[in-house]
C-alpha cells in the first residue's frame, strides 16, 4: 500500500472512532446505557486499532529499509569476492592461501634445489 493510502485509512479509522464516540454521547444523553457502552467500547477499540496500525506501518518501513540495506551490502561483498577471485592466479594458490602454485601456473616460484 502506498503511504497516502495508509494515511487515508488511518484518518478514516479516526473519523469512524469520533462518530462512534458521538453516538455514545447521544445514547448516554437519551438514557440508553447499553447502547452508550457499546458505542464507547467500539470507539476505544478503533482508537487502539489506529495506534496498532501506525506501529505496524513503522515496523514495515523499518523492515523494508533493513532488507534494502542488506541487499546492498550483499552485492558489495559479492563484488569484493569477484575481484579477489579474478586476482587469483591458480586454484592451488587460492586454496593454499597463496603458499603453493599449480605446476602450470606462470607465477610459480621455482626452488633452488
Protein backbone atom coordinates (compact mmCIF):
# COMPACT_ATOMS: atom_id res chain seq x y z
CA UNK A 1 0.00 0.00 0.00
CA UNK A 2 1.20 3.48 -0.69
CA UNK A 3 1.86 5.96 2.05
CA UNK A 4 -1.12 8.14 1.07
CA UNK A 5 -3.46 5.19 1.20
CA UNK A 6 -2.19 4.18 4.64
CA UNK A 7 -2.66 7.72 5.95
CA UNK A 8 -6.15 7.87 4.45
CA UNK A 9 -7.03 4.58 6.12
CA UNK A 10 -5.79 5.85 9.49
CA UNK A 11 -7.79 9.07 9.01
CA UNK A 12 -10.88 7.02 8.16
CA UNK A 13 -10.40 4.97 11.33
CA UNK A 14 -10.16 8.17 13.36
CA UNK A 15 -13.28 9.61 11.72
CA UNK A 16 -15.29 6.48 12.47
CA UNK A 17 -14.00 6.48 16.08
CA UNK A 18 -15.14 10.09 16.53
CA UNK A 19 -18.54 9.20 15.02
CA UNK A 20 -18.93 6.28 17.40
CA UNK A 21 -17.94 8.46 20.35
CA UNK A 22 -20.61 10.95 19.29
CA UNK A 23 -23.18 8.13 19.12
CA UNK A 24 -22.11 7.05 22.61
CA UNK A 25 -22.64 10.56 23.98
CA UNK A 26 -26.05 10.94 22.31
CA UNK A 27 -27.12 7.50 23.57
CA UNK A 28 -25.99 8.38 27.08
CA UNK A 29 -27.88 11.70 26.98
CA UNK A 30 -31.05 9.85 25.93
CA UNK A 31 -30.71 7.32 28.72
CA UNK A 32 -29.77 4.28 26.66
CA UNK A 33 -26.86 2.98 28.76
CA UNK A 34 -26.29 -0.33 26.93
CA UNK A 35 -26.04 1.41 23.57
CA UNK A 36 -23.78 4.11 25.02
CA UNK A 37 -21.45 1.47 26.45
CA UNK A 38 -21.38 -0.40 23.14
CA UNK A 39 -20.58 2.72 21.11
CA UNK A 40 -17.94 3.86 23.61
CA UNK A 41 -16.29 0.43 23.53
CA UNK A 42 -16.27 0.43 19.74
CA UNK A 43 -14.73 3.93 19.70
CA UNK A 44 -11.99 2.84 22.10
CA UNK A 45 -11.39 -0.28 20.02
CA UNK A 46 -10.93 1.82 16.89
CA UNK A 47 -8.57 4.17 18.72
CA UNK A 48 -6.45 1.17 19.69
CA UNK A 49 -6.60 -0.02 16.05
CA UNK A 50 -5.22 3.36 14.89
CA UNK A 51 -2.26 3.07 17.26
CA UNK A 52 -1.64 -0.54 16.26
CA UNK A 53 -1.89 0.37 12.58
CA UNK A 54 0.72 3.12 12.91
CA UNK A 55 3.02 0.80 14.86
CA UNK A 56 2.78 -1.87 12.16
CA UNK A 57 3.39 0.73 9.46
CA UNK A 58 6.57 1.88 11.17
CA UNK A 59 7.73 -1.71 11.65
CA UNK A 60 7.11 -2.44 7.98
CA UNK A 61 9.11 0.62 6.90
CA UNK A 62 11.98 -0.39 9.19
CA UNK A 63 12.00 -3.96 7.87
CA UNK A 64 11.90 -2.74 4.28
CA UNK A 65 14.82 -0.37 4.87
CA UNK A 66 16.80 -3.14 6.58
CA UNK A 67 16.18 -5.54 3.69
CA UNK A 68 17.30 -2.94 1.15
CA UNK A 69 20.45 -2.23 3.18
CA UNK A 70 21.25 -5.95 3.49
CA UNK A 71 20.74 -6.41 -0.25
CA UNK A 72 23.16 -3.56 -0.99
CA UNK A 73 25.76 -5.00 1.40
CA UNK A 74 25.44 -8.46 -0.11
CA UNK A 75 26.00 -7.12 -3.61
CA UNK A 76 29.04 -5.16 -2.40
CA UNK A 77 30.50 -8.27 -0.75
CA UNK A 78 29.86 -10.27 -3.91
CA UNK A 79 31.81 -7.68 -5.86
CA UNK A 80 34.75 -7.90 -3.45
CA UNK A 81 34.81 -11.69 -3.76
CA UNK A 82 34.65 -11.46 -7.55
CA UNK A 83 37.65 -9.12 -7.62
CA UNK A 84 39.60 -11.41 -5.29
CA UNK A 85 38.79 -14.45 -7.42
CA UNK A 86 39.85 -12.62 -10.57
CA UNK A 87 43.20 -11.79 -8.97
CA UNK A 88 43.88 -15.43 -8.04
CA UNK A 89 46.47 -16.97 -10.31
CA UNK A 90 45.56 -20.66 -9.88
CA UNK A 91 43.25 -22.89 -7.88
CA UNK A 92 46.02 -24.37 -5.75
CA UNK A 93 47.25 -20.87 -4.87
CA UNK A 94 43.70 -19.91 -3.88
CA UNK A 95 43.07 -22.97 -1.72
CA UNK A 96 46.52 -22.84 -0.07
CA UNK A 97 46.16 -19.15 0.84
CA UNK A 98 48.95 -18.10 -1.51
CA UNK A 99 51.64 -20.59 -0.45
CA UNK A 100 51.62 -23.08 -3.34
CA UNK A 101 51.02 -22.89 -7.09
CA UNK A 102 49.96 -25.35 -9.80
CA UNK A 103 52.69 -26.77 -12.00
CA UNK A 104 51.18 -24.87 -14.95
CA UNK A 105 50.92 -21.55 -13.11
CA UNK A 106 53.10 -18.81 -14.62
CA UNK A 107 53.60 -17.27 -11.16
CA UNK A 108 55.05 -20.45 -9.71
CA UNK A 109 58.32 -19.85 -7.89
CA UNK A 110 61.00 -22.37 -8.64
CA UNK A 111 63.02 -23.52 -5.73
CA UNK A 112 66.82 -23.51 -5.88
CA UNK A 113 67.03 -27.23 -5.15
